[in-house]
C-alpha atoms as a PDB file:
ATOM      1  CA  UNK A   1       0.000   0.000   0.000  1.00  0.00           C
ATOM      2  CA  UNK A   2       1.285   3.470  -0.885  1.00  0.00           C
ATOM      3  CA  UNK A   3       1.346   6.201   1.726  1.00  0.00           C
ATOM      4  CA  UNK A   4      -0.133   9.413   0.382  1.00  0.00           C
ATOM      5  CA  UNK A   5       0.187  12.798   2.035  1.00  0.00           C
ATOM      6  CA  UNK A   6      -2.801  14.859   3.041  1.00  0.00           C
ATOM      7  CA  UNK A   7      -1.889  17.469   0.419  1.00  0.00           C
ATOM      8  CA  UNK A   8      -1.802  14.849  -2.332  1.00  0.00           C
ATOM      9  CA  UNK A   9      -5.113  13.436  -1.180  1.00  0.00           C
ATOM     10  CA  UNK A  10      -6.711  16.906  -1.181  1.00  0.00           C
ATOM     11  CA  UNK A  11      -5.492  17.471  -4.757  1.00  0.00           C
ATOM     12  CA  UNK A  12      -7.130  14.210  -5.820  1.00  0.00           C
ATOM     13  CA  UNK A  13     -10.395  15.165  -4.070  1.00  0.00           C
ATOM     14  CA  UNK A  14     -10.426  18.560  -5.827  1.00  0.00           C
ATOM     15  CA  UNK A  15      -9.977  16.884  -9.222  1.00  0.00           C
ATOM     16  CA  UNK A  16     -12.748  14.385  -8.484  1.00  0.00           C
ATOM     17  CA  UNK A  17     -15.072  17.172  -7.314  1.00  0.00           C
ATOM     18  CA  UNK A  18     -14.458  19.186 -10.496  1.00  0.00           C
ATOM     19  CA  UNK A  19     -15.012  16.115 -12.668  1.00  0.00           C
ATOM     20  CA  UNK A  20     -18.285  15.188 -10.945  1.00  0.00           C
ATOM     21  CA  UNK A  21     -19.555  18.774 -11.210  1.00  0.00           C
ATOM     22  CA  UNK A  22     -18.732  18.944 -14.912  1.00  0.00           C
ATOM     23  CA  UNK A  23     -20.306  15.574 -15.723  1.00  0.00           C
ATOM     24  CA  UNK A  24     -23.480  16.416 -13.783  1.00  0.00           C
ATOM     25  CA  UNK A  25     -23.746  19.781 -15.544  1.00  0.00           C
ATOM     26  CA  UNK A  26     -23.267  18.162 -18.967  1.00  0.00           C
ATOM     27  CA  UNK A  27     -25.950  15.586 -18.128  1.00  0.00           C
ATOM     28  CA  UNK A  28     -28.354  18.265 -16.877  1.00  0.00           C
ATOM     29  CA  UNK A  29     -28.423  16.648 -13.437  1.00  0.00           C
ATOM     30  CA  UNK A  30     -28.493  18.537 -10.124  1.00  0.00           C
ATOM     31  CA  UNK A  31     -25.914  17.923  -7.402  1.00  0.00           C
ATOM     32  CA  UNK A  32     -27.007  17.212  -3.842  1.00  0.00           C
ATOM     33  CA  UNK A  33     -24.646  17.719  -0.912  1.00  0.00           C
ATOM     34  CA  UNK A  34     -24.302  18.954   2.657  1.00  0.00           C
ATOM     35  CA  UNK A  35     -22.981  22.461   3.331  1.00  0.00           C
ATOM     36  CA  UNK A  36     -22.781  23.946   6.820  1.00  0.00           C
ATOM     37  CA  UNK A  37     -25.101  21.225   8.110  1.00  0.00           C
ATOM     38  CA  UNK A  38     -27.809  21.856   5.512  1.00  0.00           C
ATOM     39  CA  UNK A  39     -28.877  19.830   2.492  1.00  0.00           C
ATOM     40  CA  UNK A  40     -28.222  21.718  -0.726  1.00  0.00           C
ATOM     41  CA  UNK A  41     -29.305  21.185  -4.327  1.00  0.00           C
ATOM     42  CA  UNK A  42     -27.175  22.814  -7.003  1.00  0.00           C
ATOM     43  CA  UNK A  43     -28.885  22.944 -10.365  1.00  0.00           C
ATOM     44  CA  UNK A  44     -26.945  22.663 -13.647  1.00  0.00           C
ATOM     45  CA  UNK A  45     -27.556  26.395 -14.160  1.00  0.00           C
ATOM     46  CA  UNK A  46     -25.581  27.066 -10.973  1.00  0.00           C
ATOM     47  CA  UNK A  47     -28.625  27.998  -8.885  1.00  0.00           C
ATOM     48  CA  UNK A  48     -28.225  26.818  -5.289  1.00  0.00           C
ATOM     49  CA  UNK A  49     -31.265  25.864  -3.233  1.00  0.00           C
ATOM     50  CA  UNK A  50     -31.168  24.975   0.468  1.00  0.00           C
ATOM     51  CA  UNK A  51     -33.442  22.039   1.279  1.00  0.00           C
ATOM     52  CA  UNK A  52     -34.896  20.815   4.512  1.00  0.00           C
ATOM     53  CA  UNK A  53     -34.540  17.162   5.499  1.00  0.00           C
ATOM     54  CA  UNK A  54     -37.491  15.956   3.393  1.00  0.00           C
ATOM     55  CA  UNK A  55     -36.147  17.797   0.302  1.00  0.00           C
ATOM     56  CA  UNK A  56     -38.758  20.554   0.196  1.00  0.00           C
ATOM     57  CA  UNK A  57     -37.391  24.013  -0.490  1.00  0.00           C
ATOM     58  CA  UNK A  58     -36.876  26.222   2.561  1.00  0.00           C
ATOM     59  CA  UNK A  59     -34.977  29.125   0.957  1.00  0.00           C
ATOM     60  CA  UNK A  60     -35.164  29.407  -2.827  1.00  0.00           C
ATOM     61  CA  UNK A  61     -33.118  32.634  -2.759  1.00  0.00           C
ATOM     62  CA  UNK A  62     -30.079  31.183  -0.982  1.00  0.00           C
ATOM     63  CA  UNK A  63     -26.822  31.916  -2.803  1.00  0.00           C
ATOM     64  CA  UNK A  64     -23.220  31.116  -1.918  1.00  0.00           C
END
């Protein structure tokens, strides 16, 4: 097994994140993730919507 530094691992994660974002955008699919303890949906257009736990919109005007 190869030991990898934290910095190298973070670089890999950044590349994976960028790749997933790009592929989702190309496919017209939204991304779902947690940010600051809240569920977030990011639409292919870049619009960010904060969701409550059952996925109904709680703040349609939320922006980064």
